[in-house]
Amino acid sequence: MSHRKDTDYLSISARIRAMENRLLTRERMDRMIDARDTSEAMKVLGECGYGEGASLDAVLAQARADTFRDMEAAAPDHRLVEIFQLKYDYHNAKAILKAQAMGVPAERLLLPGGRYDGKELLEGWQREDLRGCSETFRKAMDRAKAALAESRDPQQADVILDRACYEEMARLARELESDFLMGYVRLSVDVANLRTAIRVHRMGKEGDFLRQVLLPGGSVSEQTVAAARGEALGEVFRSGPLAQAAELGAKLTQPGSGALTAFEKACDDAVTAYLSAARRVPFGEQTVVGYLYARELELTAIRTIFAGRAAGLDGDTIRSRLRGTYV
């Protein structure tokens, strides 16, 4: 497939700029948080184009499916959408393998939104026929199954599948010849590795264990991350977009050193800041990528708000858990 020019995205970029007006702004989030009841909060979702459903999960799942379908049809290259569908495929792979190992049904653990229908993926795996899936995905599932059977450690299977997921993301970004997407993938790997390093240090584990679970492909090598300790972990990310997150995380590397809430938020906000740069680009693949991320960010915010309301949390507490917005 030949390289697309920025001008190939003129039409869809104009459409996306119009659709961005319906994204969930901070003002709309505040109205949802302060709504008298769930019905009033749901009305705000209606203003953002969400339909009705039997449950909030159903409404959000349908919104995600509609977004992916719309962008697949309208974008000059469907691989831009695949970048965001991958995580659902690999979530479902993990769910299928773990359910199989535990002897429990996997259906209720599957998520919609991937390249492959969850139910069809499960049936294909049971028939030992995944011919419709990518070679990377098929091999990763086989390797993860073998690792889980040998070690009975779900984490080993997760690492294999996570590496395959980021490998596919990087391959798609290279195929699309998009510096913007390649930067997004590198940042995503850096975020995953930083989070892993902080958690491993808090568990009191280091050395070989950490090197085994870090992912390749970030702007900071897994060897450099594995060698850093305490404040040094903040130093290795200091010159990049994760500087603030790394500084917060470096102070939390000791067991019992405090909650990770602010650190996790800073990680997510760094990714949002990177992808929000797409709004300054008049047309190109950046507009599609930015919009797809904005929709994912929006779905997460909605879940956070409704979960907080259901738990009886006050408005300020819910707001403190929300990530930065794309718009």
Protein backbone atom coordinates (compact mmCIF):
# COMPACT_ATOMS: atom_id res chain seq x y z
CA MET A 1 0.00 0.00 0.00
CA SER A 2 1.52 3.32 -1.09
CA HIS A 3 2.26 6.09 1.38
CA ARG A 4 -0.65 8.46 1.89
CA LYS A 5 -0.23 12.20 1.49
CA ASP A 6 -1.53 14.68 4.08
CA THR A 7 -3.94 16.01 1.46
CA ASP A 8 -5.61 12.59 1.30
CA TYR A 9 -7.00 13.45 4.74
CA LEU A 10 -8.58 16.79 3.83
CA SER A 11 -12.17 15.54 3.84
CA ILE A 12 -12.05 13.41 6.98
CA SER A 13 -10.03 16.06 8.84
CA ALA A 14 -12.79 18.60 8.20
CA ARG A 15 -15.39 16.10 9.44
CA ILE A 16 -13.39 15.37 12.57
CA ARG A 17 -13.02 19.04 13.41
CA ALA A 18 -16.82 19.29 13.35
CA MET A 19 -17.24 16.11 15.44
CA GLU A 20 -14.80 17.39 18.06
CA ASN A 21 -17.45 19.91 19.08
CA ARG A 22 -19.45 17.03 20.56
CA LEU A 23 -16.60 15.61 22.61
CA LEU A 24 -16.97 15.57 26.38
CA THR A 25 -15.55 18.86 27.64
CA ARG A 26 -14.64 19.64 31.24
CA GLU A 27 -17.85 21.70 31.54
CA ARG A 28 -19.93 18.72 30.44
CA MET A 29 -18.07 16.46 32.86
CA ASP A 30 -18.86 18.87 35.68
CA ARG A 31 -22.54 18.76 34.78
CA MET A 32 -22.48 14.96 34.85
CA ILE A 33 -20.73 14.93 38.21
CA ASP A 34 -23.14 17.45 39.73
CA ALA A 35 -26.30 15.94 38.20
CA ARG A 36 -29.11 15.19 40.66
CA ASP A 37 -29.49 11.61 39.48
CA THR A 38 -28.26 9.11 36.90
CA SER A 39 -30.98 10.05 34.44
CA GLU A 40 -29.88 13.67 34.42
CA ALA A 41 -26.24 12.62 33.99
CA MET A 42 -27.20 10.41 31.05
CA LYS A 43 -28.84 13.39 29.33
CA VAL A 44 -25.43 15.02 29.07
CA LEU A 45 -24.21 11.94 27.21
CA GLY A 46 -27.10 12.42 24.81
CA GLU A 47 -25.75 15.89 24.00
CA CYS A 48 -22.46 14.23 23.04
CA GLY A 49 -24.17 11.88 20.61
CA TYR A 50 -24.48 8.79 22.78
CA GLY A 51 -27.53 6.61 22.23
CA GLU A 52 -29.62 4.70 24.71
CA GLY A 53 -29.00 1.19 25.94
CA ALA A 54 -29.84 -1.38 28.56
CA SER A 55 -26.79 -0.35 30.59
CA LEU A 56 -23.97 2.17 30.60
CA ASP A 57 -21.57 -0.56 29.46
CA ALA A 58 -23.79 -1.28 26.47
CA VAL A 59 -24.01 2.41 25.57
CA LEU A 60 -20.23 2.86 25.72
CA ALA A 61 -19.50 -0.38 23.85
CA GLN A 62 -21.84 0.71 21.07
CA ALA A 63 -20.22 4.15 20.94
CA ARG A 64 -16.77 2.60 20.58
CA ALA A 65 -17.96 0.21 17.87
CA ASP A 66 -19.65 3.07 15.98
CA THR A 67 -16.49 5.21 16.17
CA PHE A 68 -14.25 2.44 14.87
CA ARG A 69 -16.70 1.58 12.10
CA ASP A 70 -17.04 5.21 11.07
CA MET A 71 -13.29 5.84 10.99
CA GLU A 72 -12.60 2.56 9.16
CA ALA A 73 -15.01 3.62 6.42
CA ALA A 74 -13.91 7.25 6.22
CA ALA A 75 -10.16 7.18 6.84
CA PRO A 76 -7.89 6.72 3.82
CA ASP A 77 -6.10 3.89 5.65
CA HIS A 78 -7.89 1.49 8.02
CA ARG A 79 -4.62 0.65 9.77
CA LEU A 80 -4.94 3.89 11.71
CA VAL A 81 -7.96 2.36 13.43
CA GLU A 82 -6.18 -0.96 14.02
CA ILE A 83 -3.62 0.83 16.19
CA PHE A 84 -6.42 1.42 18.72
CA GLN A 85 -8.17 -1.93 18.25
CA LEU A 86 -5.10 -4.01 19.09
CA LYS A 87 -5.41 -3.68 22.86
CA TYR A 88 -8.87 -5.25 22.80
CA ASP A 89 -7.62 -8.23 20.80
CA TYR A 90 -4.80 -8.82 23.24
CA HIS A 91 -7.06 -8.32 26.26
CA ASN A 92 -9.31 -11.02 24.83
CA ALA A 93 -6.32 -13.29 24.20
CA LYS A 94 -5.34 -12.98 27.87
CA ALA A 95 -8.92 -13.61 28.99
CA ILE A 96 -9.26 -16.72 26.83
CA LEU A 97 -5.99 -18.26 28.02
CA LYS A 98 -6.58 -17.54 31.69
CA ALA A 99 -10.18 -18.79 31.57
CA GLN A 100 -9.01 -21.95 29.83
CA ALA A 101 -6.30 -22.53 32.46
CA MET A 102 -8.82 -22.04 35.29
CA GLY A 103 -11.52 -24.12 33.62
CA VAL A 104 -14.08 -21.29 33.61
CA PRO A 105 -16.12 -19.73 30.77
CA ALA A 106 -14.36 -16.88 28.97
CA GLU A 107 -17.37 -15.21 27.32
CA ARG A 108 -18.14 -12.72 30.08
CA LEU A 109 -14.48 -11.58 30.15
CA LEU A 110 -14.31 -10.64 26.48
CA LEU A 111 -14.43 -7.03 25.33
CA PRO A 112 -15.79 -5.69 22.04
CA GLY A 113 -13.78 -3.29 19.91
CA GLY A 114 -10.93 -5.41 18.57
CA ARG A 115 -10.05 -6.30 15.01
CA TYR A 116 -11.45 -9.74 15.72
CA ASP A 117 -14.88 -10.42 17.16
CA GLY A 118 -14.39 -11.76 20.69
CA LYS A 119 -16.80 -14.68 20.34
CA GLU A 120 -15.37 -15.69 16.98
CA LEU A 121 -11.85 -15.46 18.40
CA LEU A 122 -12.80 -17.77 21.27
CA GLU A 123 -14.45 -20.27 18.92
CA GLY A 124 -11.45 -20.17 16.59
CA TRP A 125 -9.07 -20.80 19.47
CA GLN A 126 -11.16 -23.75 20.65
CA ARG A 127 -11.07 -25.18 17.11
CA GLU A 128 -7.32 -24.48 16.92
CA ASP A 129 -8.01 -22.33 13.87
CA LEU A 130 -6.95 -18.68 14.03
CA ARG A 131 -6.31 -18.33 10.32
CA GLY A 132 -8.10 -14.96 10.22
CA CYS A 133 -5.70 -13.43 12.76
CA SER A 134 -2.28 -11.88 12.18
CA GLU A 135 0.75 -14.14 12.34
CA THR A 136 2.15 -12.15 15.26
CA PHE A 137 -1.09 -12.59 17.20
CA ARG A 138 -1.32 -16.34 16.50
CA LYS A 139 2.27 -17.02 17.52
CA ALA A 140 1.93 -14.92 20.65
CA MET A 141 -1.14 -16.85 21.77
CA ASP A 142 0.66 -20.15 21.23
CA ARG A 143 3.75 -18.98 23.13
CA ALA A 144 1.65 -17.56 25.96
CA LYS A 145 -0.33 -20.79 26.24
CA ALA A 146 2.90 -22.81 26.47
CA ALA A 147 4.39 -20.42 29.06
CA LEU A 148 1.25 -20.55 31.17
CA ALA A 149 1.14 -24.35 31.06
CA GLU A 150 4.80 -24.64 32.02
CA SER A 151 5.05 -21.96 34.70
CA ARG A 152 1.41 -21.54 35.81
CA ASP A 153 2.33 -17.86 36.11
CA PRO A 154 -0.19 -15.63 34.30
CA GLN A 155 2.31 -12.76 34.34
CA GLN A 156 4.62 -14.61 31.96
CA ALA A 157 1.78 -15.08 29.50
CA ASP A 158 0.83 -11.40 29.87
CA VAL A 159 4.38 -10.26 29.06
CA ILE A 160 4.45 -12.34 25.88
CA LEU A 161 1.13 -10.92 24.72
CA ASP A 162 2.02 -7.35 25.69
CA ARG A 163 5.24 -7.53 23.69
CA ALA A 164 3.34 -8.83 20.68
CA CYS A 165 0.76 -6.05 21.02
CA TYR A 166 3.39 -3.30 20.99
CA GLU A 167 5.27 -5.09 18.23
CA GLU A 168 2.14 -4.93 16.06
CA MET A 169 1.59 -1.28 16.96
CA ALA A 170 5.16 -0.43 15.94
CA ARG A 171 4.87 -2.39 12.71
CA LEU A 172 1.68 -0.56 11.73
CA ALA A 173 3.27 2.82 12.51
CA ARG A 174 6.28 1.94 10.34
CA GLU A 175 4.08 0.72 7.50
CA LEU A 176 2.14 3.97 7.65
CA GLU A 177 5.42 5.91 7.61
CA SER A 178 4.01 8.17 10.31
CA ASP A 179 6.50 9.88 12.62
CA PHE A 180 3.56 10.98 14.77
CA LEU A 181 2.35 7.40 15.26
CA MET A 182 5.85 6.06 15.85
CA GLY A 183 6.28 8.70 18.55
CA TYR A 184 2.99 7.60 20.11
CA VAL A 185 4.10 3.96 20.17
CA ARG A 186 7.47 4.82 21.73
CA LEU A 187 5.77 6.94 24.37
CA SER A 188 3.26 4.15 25.09
CA VAL A 189 6.13 1.70 25.63
CA ASP A 190 7.92 4.21 27.89
CA VAL A 191 4.75 4.62 29.97
CA ALA A 192 4.31 0.86 30.28
CA ASN A 193 7.96 0.39 31.30
CA LEU A 194 7.93 3.25 33.79
CA ARG A 195 4.80 1.89 35.44
CA THR A 196 6.27 -1.61 35.53
CA ALA A 197 9.54 -0.40 37.05
CA ILE A 198 7.77 1.54 39.81
CA ARG A 199 5.56 -1.42 40.72
CA VAL A 200 8.44 -3.91 40.65
CA HIS A 201 10.57 -1.71 42.92
CA ARG A 202 7.63 -1.34 45.32
CA MET A 203 7.40 -5.14 45.42
CA GLY A 204 11.06 -5.30 46.41
CA LYS A 205 12.00 -7.09 43.18
CA GLU A 206 14.70 -5.91 40.81
CA GLY A 207 17.46 -7.28 38.59
CA ASP A 208 16.60 -10.18 36.33
CA PHE A 209 12.89 -10.08 37.14
CA LEU A 210 12.55 -6.48 36.00
CA ARG A 211 14.57 -7.05 32.84
CA GLN A 212 12.27 -9.94 31.93
CA VAL A 213 9.07 -7.89 32.13
CA LEU A 214 10.18 -4.64 30.44
CA LEU A 215 9.17 -4.01 26.82
CA PRO A 216 11.47 -3.10 23.91
CA GLY A 217 10.80 -0.19 21.58
CA GLY A 218 10.68 2.84 23.89
CA SER A 219 12.74 6.01 23.67
CA VAL A 220 14.51 4.82 26.83
CA SER A 221 15.91 1.29 26.47
CA GLU A 222 14.70 -1.44 28.81
CA GLN A 223 18.34 -1.93 29.91
CA THR A 224 18.55 1.70 31.03
CA VAL A 225 15.24 1.48 32.89
CA ALA A 226 16.26 -1.78 34.59
CA ALA A 227 19.57 -0.29 35.76
CA ALA A 228 17.98 2.81 37.34
CA ARG A 229 17.16 2.94 41.04
CA GLY A 230 15.16 5.44 43.08
CA GLU A 231 15.79 9.03 42.03
CA ALA A 232 17.83 7.76 39.08
CA LEU A 233 14.62 6.41 37.59
CA GLY A 234 13.34 9.95 37.40
CA GLU A 235 16.56 11.10 35.76
CA VAL A 236 16.41 8.70 32.80
CA PHE A 237 13.06 10.18 31.69
CA ARG A 238 13.80 13.77 32.66
CA SER A 239 14.35 15.08 29.14
CA GLY A 240 11.14 13.68 27.69
CA PRO A 241 7.36 14.01 28.07
CA LEU A 242 7.36 11.68 31.09
CA ALA A 243 9.55 13.95 33.21
CA GLN A 244 6.81 14.85 35.69
CA ALA A 245 5.46 11.30 35.92
CA ALA A 246 8.95 9.87 36.43
CA GLU A 247 9.74 12.42 39.15
CA LEU A 248 6.55 11.46 41.00
CA GLY A 249 7.18 7.75 40.48
CA ALA A 250 10.79 7.89 41.65
CA LYS A 251 9.55 9.00 45.08
CA LEU A 252 7.25 5.98 45.27
CA THR A 253 9.69 3.18 44.59
CA GLN A 254 9.91 1.97 48.18
CA PRO A 255 7.26 -0.44 49.56
CA GLY A 256 4.60 1.49 51.45
CA SER A 257 5.76 4.85 50.08
CA GLY A 258 2.29 6.08 49.20
CA ALA A 259 -0.51 5.78 46.67
CA LEU A 260 0.21 5.76 42.95
CA THR A 261 -2.84 7.86 41.99
CA ALA A 262 -1.02 11.08 41.05
CA PHE A 263 1.74 9.12 39.29
CA GLU A 264 -0.74 7.14 37.19
CA LYS A 265 -2.57 10.32 36.26
CA ALA A 266 0.66 12.02 35.23
CA CYS A 267 1.49 9.07 32.95
CA ASP A 268 -1.89 9.25 31.22
CA ASP A 269 -1.74 13.04 30.96
CA ALA A 270 1.64 12.82 29.21
CA VAL A 271 0.13 10.65 26.48
CA THR A 272 -2.84 13.01 26.19
CA ALA A 273 -0.53 16.01 25.85
CA TYR A 274 1.39 14.28 23.06
CA LEU A 275 -1.70 13.30 21.08
CA SER A 276 -3.44 16.63 21.67
CA ALA A 277 -0.80 18.13 19.38
CA ALA A 278 -2.91 16.65 16.57
CA ARG A 279 -5.38 19.50 17.07
CA ARG A 280 -2.77 21.93 15.77
CA VAL A 281 -2.44 19.99 12.51
CA PRO A 282 -4.98 21.15 9.89
CA PHE A 283 -5.15 17.81 8.06
CA GLY A 284 -3.32 14.50 7.99
CA GLU A 285 -3.27 11.14 9.77
CA GLN A 286 -2.72 13.03 13.05
CA THR A 287 -6.33 14.22 13.06
CA VAL A 288 -7.65 10.65 12.83
CA VAL A 289 -5.25 9.34 15.46
CA GLY A 290 -6.01 12.22 17.80
CA TYR A 291 -9.75 11.79 17.45
CA LEU A 292 -9.62 8.04 18.08
CA TYR A 293 -7.59 8.65 21.22
CA ALA A 294 -9.95 11.42 22.31
CA ARG A 295 -12.89 9.04 22.09
CA GLU A 296 -11.06 6.40 24.14
CA LEU A 297 -10.18 9.06 26.71
CA GLU A 298 -13.80 10.15 26.79
CA LEU A 299 -15.09 6.62 27.45
CA THR A 300 -12.66 6.27 30.34
CA ALA A 301 -13.80 9.60 31.82
CA ILE A 302 -17.46 8.57 31.60
CA ARG A 303 -16.76 5.29 33.39
CA THR A 304 -14.83 7.14 36.10
CA ILE A 305 -17.65 9.62 36.66
CA PHE A 306 -20.44 7.06 36.82
CA ALA A 307 -18.39 4.69 38.99
CA GLY A 308 -17.65 7.55 41.38
CA ARG A 309 -21.31 8.54 41.53
CA ALA A 310 -22.35 4.93 42.17
CA ALA A 311 -19.81 4.71 45.01
CA GLY A 312 -21.20 7.88 46.59
CA LEU A 313 -18.00 9.88 46.13
CA ASP A 314 -18.18 13.66 46.37
CA GLY A 315 -17.63 15.79 43.28
CA ASP A 316 -14.12 16.92 44.18
CA THR A 317 -12.95 13.35 44.67
CA ILE A 318 -14.35 12.30 41.30
CA ARG A 319 -12.73 15.30 39.60
CA SER A 320 -9.37 14.43 41.14
CA ARG A 321 -9.52 11.05 39.41
CA LEU A 322 -10.23 12.42 35.95
CA ARG A 323 -7.42 12.64 33.42
CA GLY A 324 -6.63 15.66 31.29
CA THR A 325 -9.01 16.29 28.40
CA TYR A 326 -8.23 16.28 24.68
CA VAL A 327 -10.32 19.40 24.05
